[in-house]
Protein backbone atom coordinates (compact mmCIF):
# COMPACT_ATOMS: atom_id res chain seq x y z
CA MET A 1 0.00 0.00 0.00
CA LEU A 2 2.81 2.38 0.92
CA LEU A 3 4.58 1.63 -2.36
CA PHE A 4 1.38 2.37 -4.27
CA ILE A 5 1.01 5.75 -2.50
CA VAL A 6 4.64 6.64 -3.27
CA ILE A 7 4.19 5.75 -6.95
CA VAL A 8 0.98 7.79 -7.20
CA PHE A 9 2.71 10.73 -5.49
CA ILE A 10 5.65 10.59 -7.91
CA ILE A 11 3.31 10.46 -10.91
CA LEU A 12 1.26 13.40 -9.64
CA LEU A 13 4.42 15.39 -8.87
CA TYR A 14 5.74 14.67 -12.36
CA VAL A 15 2.49 15.76 -14.03
CA TYR A 16 2.23 18.87 -11.84
CA THR A 17 5.82 20.05 -12.38
CA THR A 18 5.86 19.44 -16.12
CA ARG A 19 2.38 20.78 -16.91
CA ASN A 20 3.71 23.85 -18.79
CA HIS A 21 6.83 22.34 -20.33
CA ASN A 22 5.37 22.45 -23.82
CA TYR A 23 4.69 26.22 -23.62
CA TRP A 24 7.65 27.29 -25.77
CA SER A 25 7.60 24.34 -28.15
CA LYS A 26 3.98 25.21 -29.03
CA ARG A 27 5.21 28.68 -29.96
CA ASN A 28 8.25 27.44 -31.87
CA VAL A 29 10.63 29.15 -29.46
CA LYS A 30 14.03 27.48 -29.09
CA HIS A 31 14.93 26.32 -25.58
CA ASP A 32 16.85 23.66 -23.68
CA PRO A 33 14.81 20.58 -22.70
CA PRO A 34 13.37 21.14 -19.20
CA ILE A 35 13.50 18.51 -16.46
CA PRO A 36 10.69 17.69 -13.99
CA LEU A 37 10.39 19.90 -10.92
CA PHE A 38 13.24 22.28 -11.90
CA GLY A 39 12.63 23.06 -15.56
CA ASN A 40 15.93 24.69 -16.66
CA HIS A 41 16.50 26.17 -13.21
CA PHE A 42 18.37 23.32 -11.48
CA ARG A 43 21.85 24.91 -11.59
CA ASN A 44 20.55 28.19 -10.24
CA VAL A 45 18.64 26.64 -7.35
CA PHE A 46 21.81 24.88 -6.20
CA GLY A 47 24.15 27.84 -6.71
CA ILE A 48 26.07 26.39 -9.63
CA LYS A 49 25.33 29.30 -11.97
CA SER A 50 23.71 32.70 -11.47
CA MET A 51 20.93 33.92 -13.76
CA VAL A 52 23.45 36.17 -15.50
CA GLU A 53 25.62 33.15 -16.29
CA LEU A 54 22.67 31.01 -17.40
CA SER A 55 21.26 33.75 -19.64
CA THR A 56 24.72 34.28 -21.17
CA GLU A 57 25.03 30.57 -21.86
CA LEU A 58 21.66 30.42 -23.63
CA TYR A 59 22.26 33.72 -25.44
CA ASN A 60 25.41 32.33 -27.03
CA LYS A 61 24.06 28.82 -27.59
CA TYR A 62 21.11 30.15 -29.60
CA TYR A 63 22.99 33.12 -31.01
CA GLU A 64 20.91 33.54 -34.19
CA GLU A 65 17.59 33.54 -32.32
CA LYS A 66 15.86 36.74 -31.25
CA VAL A 67 14.41 35.17 -28.10
CA VAL A 68 15.13 32.00 -26.10
CA GLY A 69 12.74 30.07 -23.88
CA TYR A 70 13.47 29.14 -20.26
CA TYR A 71 11.57 27.36 -17.49
CA ARG A 72 11.87 28.34 -13.83
CA GLY A 73 10.26 25.19 -12.51
CA ALA A 74 7.00 25.06 -14.44
CA THR A 75 6.88 28.82 -15.07
CA PRO A 76 7.79 29.83 -18.63
CA GLU A 77 10.22 32.74 -19.06
CA LEU A 78 11.57 34.42 -22.16
CA ILE A 79 15.12 35.68 -22.64
CA ILE A 80 15.05 38.69 -24.96
CA LYS A 81 18.05 39.04 -27.28
CA ASP A 82 16.67 41.40 -29.91
CA LEU A 83 17.15 45.07 -29.00
CA ASP A 84 13.97 46.23 -30.77
CA ILE A 85 11.90 43.78 -28.75
CA ALA A 86 13.72 44.86 -25.59
CA ARG A 87 12.88 48.50 -26.40
CA ASP A 88 9.20 47.64 -26.85
CA ILE A 89 9.05 45.77 -23.53
CA LEU A 90 10.92 48.40 -21.51
CA CYS A 91 9.45 51.53 -23.10
CA VAL A 92 6.94 51.39 -25.96
CA ASP A 93 4.66 48.72 -24.47
CA PHE A 94 5.55 49.35 -20.85
CA GLY A 95 1.86 49.09 -19.88
CA TYR A 96 2.09 45.36 -20.59
CA PHE A 97 5.32 44.87 -18.60
CA TYR A 98 5.24 47.25 -15.64
CA PRO A 99 5.80 44.52 -12.97
CA ARG A 100 9.39 43.65 -12.16
CA GLY A 101 8.26 40.44 -10.50
CA LEU A 102 10.93 40.37 -7.78
CA GLY A 103 8.80 41.31 -4.81
CA ARG A 104 7.11 39.23 -2.19
CA ASP A 105 3.87 39.85 -0.30
CA PRO A 106 4.18 43.41 1.09
CA LYS A 107 1.52 42.69 3.72
CA HIS A 108 3.77 40.11 5.36
CA GLN A 109 7.19 41.18 4.04
CA THR A 110 7.06 44.92 4.42
CA LEU A 111 10.68 45.57 3.40
CA PHE A 112 9.75 44.58 -0.16
CA ASN A 113 7.14 47.34 -0.38
CA ASN A 114 9.83 49.64 -1.80
CA LEU A 115 10.37 51.44 -5.10
CA PHE A 116 12.61 48.70 -6.55
CA HIS A 117 10.51 45.65 -5.61
CA ALA A 118 6.96 47.05 -5.60
CA ASP A 119 4.74 46.55 -8.63
CA GLY A 120 1.57 48.06 -10.02
CA ASP A 121 -0.03 51.09 -8.41
CA THR A 122 2.25 51.05 -5.37
CA TRP A 123 5.29 51.38 -7.64
CA LYS A 124 3.66 54.10 -9.76
CA LEU A 125 2.68 56.27 -6.79
CA LEU A 126 6.10 55.88 -5.17
CA ARG A 127 7.94 56.61 -8.41
CA GLN A 128 6.09 59.83 -9.17
CA ARG A 129 7.04 61.21 -5.74
CA MET A 130 10.57 59.76 -5.35
CA THR A 131 11.80 61.41 -8.53
CA ALA A 132 11.81 64.73 -6.65
CA ALA A 133 14.68 63.49 -4.45
CA PHE A 134 17.14 63.34 -7.34
CA THR A 135 16.92 66.68 -9.14
CA THR A 136 20.12 68.44 -10.28
CA ALA A 137 19.70 71.11 -7.62
CA LYS A 138 19.44 68.52 -4.85
CA LEU A 139 22.43 66.61 -6.19
CA LYS A 140 24.53 69.79 -6.07
CA ASN A 141 23.37 70.49 -2.53
CA MET A 142 24.45 66.99 -1.49
CA PHE A 143 27.92 67.24 -3.00
CA PRO A 144 29.73 68.87 -0.03
CA LEU A 145 28.71 65.84 2.03
CA ILE A 146 30.16 63.55 -0.64
CA VAL A 147 33.40 65.56 -0.64
CA LYS A 148 33.70 65.15 3.14
CA CYS A 149 33.40 61.37 2.78
CA ALA A 150 35.91 61.41 -0.10
CA GLU A 151 38.45 63.33 2.00
CA THR A 152 38.10 60.76 4.78
CA LEU A 153 38.61 58.03 2.18
CA GLN A 154 41.93 59.64 1.21
CA VAL A 155 43.10 59.70 4.84
CA VAL A 156 42.26 56.01 5.25
CA GLY A 157 44.03 55.29 1.96
CA GLU A 158 47.19 56.99 3.24
CA ASP A 159 47.15 54.74 6.29
CA ILE A 160 46.71 51.67 4.06
CA ALA A 161 49.59 52.77 1.82
CA ALA A 162 51.82 53.32 4.87
CA ARG A 163 51.16 49.73 5.95
CA GLY A 164 52.21 48.25 2.62
CA GLY A 165 49.20 49.19 0.50
CA ASN A 166 47.50 45.81 0.17
CA CYS A 167 43.76 46.01 0.73
CA ASP A 168 40.37 44.82 -0.50
CA VAL A 169 39.16 47.82 -2.48
CA ARG A 170 35.70 46.26 -2.65
CA GLU A 171 35.46 46.57 1.12
CA LEU A 172 37.12 50.00 1.16
CA MET A 173 34.67 51.41 -1.39
CA ALA A 174 31.74 49.75 0.38
CA ARG A 175 32.68 51.58 3.57
CA PHE A 176 33.03 54.87 1.68
CA THR A 177 29.64 54.37 0.01
CA THR A 178 27.99 53.46 3.30
CA ASP A 179 29.26 56.72 4.82
CA PHE A 180 27.98 58.66 1.81
CA ILE A 181 24.51 57.10 2.09
CA GLY A 182 24.44 57.87 5.80
CA ALA A 183 25.36 61.52 5.22
CA CYS A 184 23.29 62.22 2.09
CA GLY A 185 20.40 59.91 2.79
CA PHE A 186 19.85 59.99 6.51
CA GLY A 187 21.90 62.82 7.97
CA ILE A 188 23.97 60.37 10.06
CA GLU A 189 27.73 60.52 10.54
CA MET A 190 28.32 56.78 10.30
CA ASP A 191 32.17 56.92 10.18
CA THR A 192 32.17 53.50 8.54
CA ILE A 193 35.39 54.27 6.62
CA ASN A 194 37.37 54.38 9.87
CA THR A 195 35.44 51.60 11.59
CA GLU A 196 35.89 48.19 9.99
CA HIS A 197 33.07 46.50 11.92
CA SER A 198 30.57 49.33 12.21
CA LEU A 199 26.87 48.66 12.73
CA TYR A 200 25.99 50.05 9.30
CA ARG A 201 28.65 48.12 7.38
CA ASN A 202 27.62 44.90 9.10
CA LEU A 203 24.02 45.69 8.22
CA GLY A 204 25.01 46.07 4.57
CA LYS A 205 26.81 42.73 4.61
CA LYS A 206 23.84 41.00 6.22
CA ILE A 207 21.36 42.32 3.64
CA PHE A 208 23.19 40.51 0.84
CA ALA A 209 24.28 37.43 2.78
CA ARG A 210 22.50 34.23 1.74
CA SER A 211 21.69 31.98 4.70
CA PHE A 212 20.78 28.32 4.13
CA ARG A 213 17.20 29.09 5.14
CA ASN A 214 17.02 31.96 2.68
CA ILE A 215 18.37 29.78 -0.15
CA VAL A 216 15.79 27.06 0.57
CA MET A 217 12.89 29.51 0.86
CA VAL A 218 13.78 31.37 -2.34
CA GLY A 219 14.10 28.05 -4.18
CA LEU A 220 10.63 26.97 -3.01
CA TRP A 221 9.22 30.42 -3.79
CA GLU A 222 10.48 30.22 -7.38
CA LEU A 223 9.60 26.58 -8.09
CA PHE A 224 6.15 26.51 -6.47
CA PRO A 225 4.33 29.81 -7.13
CA GLU A 226 1.04 28.33 -5.90
CA ILE A 227 2.29 28.20 -2.31
CA ARG A 228 4.03 31.59 -2.26
CA SER A 229 1.43 33.01 0.09
CA LEU A 230 2.72 30.56 2.72
CA LEU A 231 6.37 31.48 2.28
CA TYR A 232 7.31 34.60 4.20
CA PHE A 233 11.00 35.18 4.81
CA ASP A 234 11.61 38.75 5.83
CA ASP A 235 14.76 39.06 7.91
CA MET A 236 13.35 40.32 11.18
CA LEU A 237 16.72 41.57 12.44
CA ILE A 238 17.27 43.74 9.34
CA ASN A 239 13.70 45.02 9.53
CA LYS A 240 14.03 45.82 13.22
CA THR A 241 17.42 47.55 12.79
CA ILE A 242 16.29 49.82 9.95
CA THR A 243 12.99 50.56 11.70
CA GLU A 244 14.90 51.72 14.79
CA ILE A 245 17.17 53.93 12.64
CA VAL A 246 14.19 55.58 10.94
CA LYS A 247 12.32 56.05 14.23
CA LYS A 248 15.31 57.78 15.85
CA ILE A 249 15.84 60.11 12.88
CA ARG A 250 12.15 61.04 12.82
CA GLU A 251 12.19 61.76 16.54
CA HIS A 252 15.40 63.78 16.23
CA ARG A 253 13.80 65.91 13.51
CA ASN A 254 10.57 66.27 15.47
CA TYR A 255 8.72 64.40 12.67
CA LYS A 256 9.25 67.32 10.30
CA PRO A 257 11.58 67.90 7.35
CA SER A 258 14.86 69.56 8.33
CA GLU A 259 16.91 71.83 6.09
CA ARG A 260 19.22 69.02 4.93
CA ASN A 261 17.07 68.19 1.87
CA ASP A 262 18.09 64.56 2.15
CA PHE A 263 16.19 61.34 1.52
CA ILE A 264 14.60 61.24 4.96
CA ASP A 265 13.35 64.80 4.48
CA LEU A 266 11.58 63.71 1.30
CA LEU A 267 9.88 60.85 3.13
CA LEU A 268 8.85 63.17 5.96
CA GLU A 269 7.38 65.59 3.41
CA LEU A 270 5.38 62.75 1.86
CA GLU A 271 4.21 61.64 5.29
CA ALA A 272 3.11 65.18 6.12
CA MET A 273 1.17 65.41 2.84
CA GLY A 274 -0.95 62.44 3.86
CA LYS A 275 -2.17 60.17 1.12
CA ILE A 276 -0.30 59.93 -2.18
CA VAL A 277 -2.86 60.13 -4.98
CA GLY A 278 -2.47 59.34 -8.65
CA GLU A 279 -3.75 57.46 -11.68
CA SER A 280 -3.80 53.68 -11.59
CA ILE A 281 -1.61 51.67 -13.95
CA GLU A 282 -3.66 48.53 -13.25
CA LYS A 283 -7.32 49.58 -13.28
CA VAL A 284 -9.53 51.58 -15.64
CA ASN A 285 -13.02 53.01 -15.38
CA PRO A 286 -15.81 51.86 -17.75
CA ASP A 287 -15.00 54.81 -20.01
CA GLY A 288 -11.37 53.69 -20.28
CA SER A 289 -9.89 56.40 -18.06
CA PRO A 290 -7.51 55.36 -15.24
CA VAL A 291 -8.96 54.79 -11.80
CA GLN A 292 -7.73 57.22 -9.13
CA VAL A 293 -5.71 55.35 -6.49
CA GLU A 294 -4.05 56.37 -3.25
CA MET A 295 -1.61 55.11 -0.61
CA GLU A 296 -0.26 56.17 2.78
CA MET A 297 3.39 56.96 3.47
CA ASP A 298 3.30 55.29 6.90
CA LEU A 299 6.25 54.10 8.99
CA ASN A 300 6.44 50.68 7.34
CA CYS A 301 6.48 52.25 3.88
CA MET A 302 9.20 54.70 4.94
CA VAL A 303 11.32 51.85 6.34
CA ALA A 304 10.96 49.96 3.04
CA GLN A 305 12.21 52.98 1.04
CA VAL A 306 15.14 53.50 3.42
CA PHE A 307 15.99 49.80 3.11
CA VAL A 308 16.26 49.92 -0.68
CA PHE A 309 18.05 53.30 -0.69
CA PHE A 310 20.65 51.88 1.67
CA ALA A 311 20.97 48.41 0.15
CA ALA A 312 20.87 49.27 -3.55
CA GLY A 313 22.95 52.39 -3.10
CA PHE A 314 25.92 50.90 -1.30
CA GLU A 315 26.00 47.57 -3.14
CA THR A 316 25.86 48.89 -6.71
CA SER A 317 28.21 51.83 -6.18
CA SER A 318 30.83 49.89 -4.24
CA SER A 319 30.73 47.10 -6.81
CA SER A 320 31.10 49.39 -9.83
CA THR A 321 33.86 51.57 -8.32
CA SER A 322 35.93 48.62 -7.13
CA TYR A 323 35.62 46.92 -10.51
CA THR A 324 36.74 50.14 -12.21
CA LEU A 325 39.82 50.25 -9.97
CA HIS A 326 40.45 46.57 -10.73
CA GLU A 327 40.50 47.29 -14.48
CA LEU A 328 42.70 50.37 -14.05
CA ALA A 329 45.23 48.33 -12.06
CA PHE A 330 45.74 46.20 -15.17
CA HIS A 331 45.75 49.21 -17.51
CA PRO A 332 48.32 51.61 -16.03
CA GLU A 333 48.41 53.76 -19.18
CA ILE A 334 44.67 54.45 -18.91
CA GLN A 335 45.02 55.06 -15.19
CA HIS A 336 47.81 57.55 -15.83
CA THR A 337 45.67 59.43 -18.38
CA ILE A 338 42.84 59.67 -15.84
CA GLN A 339 45.21 60.92 -13.15
CA MET A 340 46.52 63.61 -15.46
CA GLU A 341 42.95 64.69 -16.17
CA ILE A 342 42.13 64.80 -12.45
CA ASP A 343 45.23 66.92 -11.76
CA ARG A 344 44.45 69.28 -14.64
CA VAL A 345 40.80 69.77 -13.67
CA LEU A 346 41.44 70.16 -9.94
CA GLN A 347 44.02 72.87 -10.59
CA LYS A 348 41.11 75.02 -11.76
CA TYR A 349 39.30 74.42 -8.45
CA ASP A 350 42.11 75.00 -5.92
CA ASN A 351 42.81 71.22 -5.86
CA LYS A 352 39.44 70.61 -4.17
CA LEU A 353 36.79 68.16 -5.30
CA CYS A 354 33.48 69.80 -6.16
CA TYR A 355 30.43 69.13 -8.30
CA ASP A 356 31.69 71.14 -11.29
CA ALA A 357 35.13 69.52 -11.14
CA ILE A 358 33.68 66.00 -11.25
CA SER A 359 31.44 67.05 -14.14
CA GLU A 360 34.53 68.02 -16.16
CA MET A 361 36.34 64.69 -15.65
CA SER A 362 35.11 63.22 -18.91
CA TYR A 363 37.75 60.50 -19.32
CA LEU A 364 37.18 59.26 -15.75
CA SER A 365 33.45 59.08 -16.57
CA MET A 366 34.21 57.15 -19.77
CA ALA A 367 36.32 54.62 -17.85
CA PHE A 368 33.56 54.21 -15.26
CA LYS A 369 30.97 53.57 -17.98
CA GLU A 370 33.27 51.08 -19.66
CA SER A 371 33.61 49.12 -16.42
CA LEU A 372 29.80 49.10 -16.10
CA ARG A 373 29.63 47.80 -19.66
CA LYS A 374 31.86 44.85 -18.86
CA PHE A 375 30.42 44.07 -15.44
CA PRO A 376 27.15 45.89 -14.64
CA SER A 377 25.80 45.67 -11.10
CA LEU A 378 22.47 44.43 -12.48
CA GLY A 379 23.44 41.78 -15.01
CA VAL A 380 19.85 41.15 -16.12
CA LEU A 381 16.61 43.15 -16.17
CA ASN A 382 13.42 41.39 -15.07
CA ARG A 383 9.85 42.07 -16.13
CA VAL A 384 6.58 40.14 -15.97
CA CYS A 385 3.86 40.14 -18.60
CA ALA A 386 0.83 41.81 -16.97
CA LYS A 387 -1.66 41.15 -19.77
CA ARG A 388 -1.73 39.06 -22.93
CA TYR A 389 0.88 40.43 -25.32
CA LYS A 390 1.83 39.75 -28.92
CA ILE A 391 5.46 40.14 -29.97
CA SER A 392 4.59 41.36 -33.45
CA LYS A 393 8.12 40.98 -34.76
CA LEU A 394 7.94 37.21 -34.15
CA ASP A 395 4.17 36.63 -34.22
CA ILE A 396 4.40 35.10 -30.74
CA THR A 397 1.75 35.70 -28.08
CA ILE A 398 2.63 35.33 -24.40
CA ASP A 399 0.28 35.15 -21.43
CA PRO A 400 0.08 37.10 -18.16
CA GLY A 401 2.57 35.76 -15.63
CA VAL A 402 5.27 34.91 -18.16
CA LYS A 403 8.56 36.38 -17.01
CA VAL A 404 10.85 38.28 -19.33
CA ILE A 405 14.62 38.46 -18.88
CA ILE A 406 16.78 41.02 -20.70
CA PRO A 407 20.43 39.90 -20.39
CA VAL A 408 22.13 43.29 -20.01
CA GLN A 409 25.64 42.04 -19.35
CA THR A 410 25.59 39.65 -22.28
CA ILE A 411 24.29 42.31 -24.67
CA GLN A 412 26.98 44.72 -23.48
CA ASN A 413 29.66 42.09 -24.12
CA ASP A 414 28.38 41.00 -27.53
CA ALA A 415 30.85 41.55 -30.39
CA LYS A 416 27.85 42.50 -32.54
CA TYR A 417 27.64 45.77 -30.61
CA TYR A 418 31.17 46.24 -29.24
CA ASP A 419 34.24 45.14 -31.19
CA ASN A 420 36.66 43.12 -29.05
CA PRO A 421 34.28 43.38 -26.07
CA GLU A 422 36.74 41.72 -23.68
CA GLN A 423 39.06 44.72 -23.99
CA PHE A 424 38.79 47.65 -21.58
CA ARG A 425 38.51 50.76 -23.79
CA PRO A 426 37.01 53.94 -22.26
CA GLU A 427 36.94 55.56 -25.73
CA ARG A 428 33.81 53.53 -26.45
CA PHE A 429 32.00 56.18 -24.39
CA SER A 430 33.22 59.34 -26.01
CA LEU A 431 30.42 61.75 -26.93
CA GLN A 432 30.74 60.84 -30.61
CA ALA A 433 30.68 57.09 -29.95
CA GLU A 434 27.64 57.36 -27.68
CA LYS A 435 25.69 59.29 -30.31
CA GLN A 436 26.19 56.44 -32.77
CA ARG A 437 25.04 53.76 -30.34
CA SER A 438 21.53 52.55 -29.59
CA ASN A 439 20.34 53.25 -26.05
CA PHE A 440 19.56 49.57 -25.67
CA GLU A 441 23.12 48.42 -26.30
CA TYR A 442 24.03 49.88 -22.90
CA MET A 443 21.61 49.51 -19.98
CA PRO A 444 23.46 49.21 -16.65
CA PHE A 445 20.77 51.35 -14.97
CA GLY A 446 17.88 49.93 -16.99
CA ARG A 447 15.73 51.84 -19.48
CA GLY A 448 12.21 53.19 -19.56
CA PRO A 449 9.89 54.17 -16.69
CA ARG A 450 11.49 51.61 -14.35
CA ALA A 451 15.07 52.74 -14.95
CA CYS A 452 17.05 53.44 -11.77
CA VAL A 453 15.74 56.66 -10.23
CA GLY A 454 19.04 57.24 -8.42
CA ALA A 455 21.35 56.63 -11.39
CA ARG A 456 22.72 60.19 -11.49
CA LEU A 457 23.34 60.25 -7.75
CA GLY A 458 25.07 56.87 -7.87
CA GLU A 459 27.26 57.90 -10.78
CA MET A 460 28.19 61.24 -9.22
CA GLN A 461 29.11 59.64 -5.90
CA SER A 462 31.06 56.86 -7.62
CA LEU A 463 33.09 59.32 -9.71
CA ALA A 464 33.88 61.37 -6.59
CA GLY A 465 35.17 58.26 -4.82
CA LEU A 466 37.27 57.23 -7.82
CA ALA A 467 38.66 60.75 -8.20
CA ALA A 468 39.57 60.85 -4.50
CA ILE A 469 41.51 57.58 -4.78
CA LEU A 470 43.23 58.32 -8.08
CA GLN A 471 44.20 61.86 -7.08
CA LYS A 472 46.33 60.51 -4.23
CA PHE A 473 47.13 56.92 -5.16
CA THR A 474 48.04 54.55 -7.94
CA VAL A 475 46.30 51.17 -7.87
CA GLU A 476 48.29 48.07 -8.79
CA PRO A 477 47.76 44.29 -8.72
CA CYS A 478 49.03 42.61 -5.55
CA LYS A 479 49.97 38.99 -4.91
CA ASP A 480 46.32 38.08 -4.17
CA THR A 481 44.88 39.81 -7.25
CA CYS A 482 43.19 37.61 -9.87
CA ARG A 483 42.85 38.99 -13.37
CA LYS A 484 39.32 37.59 -13.65
CA LEU A 485 37.11 38.15 -10.64
CA LYS A 486 35.21 35.16 -9.26
CA VAL A 487 31.48 35.71 -9.59
CA ASN A 488 29.18 34.82 -6.69
CA HIS A 489 26.79 32.28 -8.24
CA TRP A 490 24.16 32.77 -5.52
CA MET A 491 23.50 36.44 -6.35
CA ASN A 492 20.80 36.84 -9.01
CA VAL A 493 19.58 40.44 -8.73
CA VAL A 494 22.69 42.45 -7.89
CA GLN A 495 25.95 40.81 -8.96
CA GLY A 496 28.73 40.10 -6.51
CA VAL A 497 32.20 38.56 -6.41
CA ASN A 498 33.80 36.04 -4.09
CA GLY A 499 37.04 36.92 -2.35
CA GLY A 500 36.68 40.68 -2.71
CA VAL A 501 38.85 42.80 -5.03
CA PRO A 502 42.39 42.76 -3.59
CA LEU A 503 44.69 45.49 -4.93
CA LYS A 504 47.64 47.57 -3.76
CA LEU A 505 47.45 51.32 -3.09
CA THR A 506 50.68 53.26 -3.68
CA LEU A 507 51.03 56.98 -2.93
CA ARG A 508 51.59 59.02 -6.06
CA LYS A 509 54.93 60.80 -6.23
CA THR A 510 53.44 64.02 -7.58
C-alpha cells in the first residue's frame, strides 16, 4: 500500500511540475529541454550558476535567435536578445510589462514594499514622488557631504599605503559608500570608513548574505508559485534595525523635514502630505480612463524605502567603483591618463573636489561607464507580462505571468555591438561614440519608466570616490589579485564577487 502511494505521489508530482513544459515548443521558441520539478533552473537553485551566467550561456548557444525560452520550474520565461523587442518591452509597451516580478507579499514582508521591488499602483505612486529626491539642484546640494566622505577616504588610503598598500578595495569602497549614504540619505555621521566592523557596514553585509534558510525559501518560492502566500522570509533583524534607525531620525527631527534636503526629508514631506494620490496603472473606469488610487506613506512604507536606498545604493556603487579600480590596475596607461585629467581639472578648483570639477572629468566618466559595460551591477533586467501580449516581430503571443529576462551584461559584451568586447577601452563612451550607439546596447541602470531613479546620484558619488583615490594613489595588482574576478553564483539580482577585489594602493609621487 505504501509503495502504491509513493508511486501515485511521484506520478502526480511529475504531471504537476511538467504541466507547462510544452509552452515554448507550441510557440516554436528554441529552448533547452526542461526537467521535472526544476525546468531549466536546477543549476541556479543549487548555486552552480547565477541567472546572468545562465542567460549568457543560452544567449550564445542560440545566437541567431531573437528570443530564447526558459523554465523556472513550471513557469515559462523568455530571454530577450533582440534590441527592438527589448525596447518595446521596456518603453513602448511598458503598460504590458510594468511589474518587475521580484517582490514578495508586502503585507507580510514589508521591506519589499519599496520602489525597486513594488509593482503596479504602489510602484507608480512611489515613483512619481521619489523622482523629486534626485533633481540636479538637490544633487549639487548633497555634494559637499560627498566631498567630506571622499576626504576621509583619502586619509584612510594613506594609512593603508603606509602599511604596505595591500587592501580589499571592494570593502574599502563599500565603507566609503555606506558613509555617503548615511550623510546624504539619513543625515547620520556613520564613520564607517574608519570603523571596519561598524553597525551600518555589518548591516550592509547581512542584507546581501544568503543563509541556508534563505536559499531554501527562495528556491521553493520560485519553483512553487502556488504556495508563495505561505512562504514569508523577511529578515526580522534587518527590519528591526532599519525601523529603529528611521524612528530615531524622525524623533530627532521632530517628525518634520529639516533643512538638509536629504532622503529622509523627502519621506517626511510625503508623510506630512498624507495620502499619495495618482492614476492607476492597473485599473480603468468603464469609459477607459484610469482609476484614481491612493496610498499612505506610513512608517512601514518609509522603512521599506530607506531599506532599498541603503541596500541598492551601497551595493551597486561599491561594486562598480571597485571593478573600475580593478581594471585600471591592469591598464596603467589608462590610469595615468585619468590621473593627469584629475590633476588638470582640480588645478582650476584649488585642488578641491566639487560638483563642477567632477562634471569636467570626462575621461574618468568614460572609464567608469566602460567598467559598467563589462560588469554591470544588475546583469539582467526582469519584467513580468501583466496582460496578454503579442510580440509582433515574431508573431508570438505570451500570457500574463510569463517572465521576461533582458540579459544586459551579455548584450553589453556581444561583439555584434562592441568590437573586441573583452578589452577595456574607455573611448567607447566618447560623446561621438555614444551618439552612434543605440540606447539599448548599454543599460546598466535599466531603461524606460522603471530605470534606476538614483542613477545620477550613484554615478556622481562613484566618480567622486574614484577621483579621491586616483588623485592621491596609484592602484596596482598585488599577490592576491586575480585577473578575472570570481562571480558569486548565488546572487541573481545584484551581482557580486567572491574573495573581494584585492589590490595595492601606492602613494603618487606628484
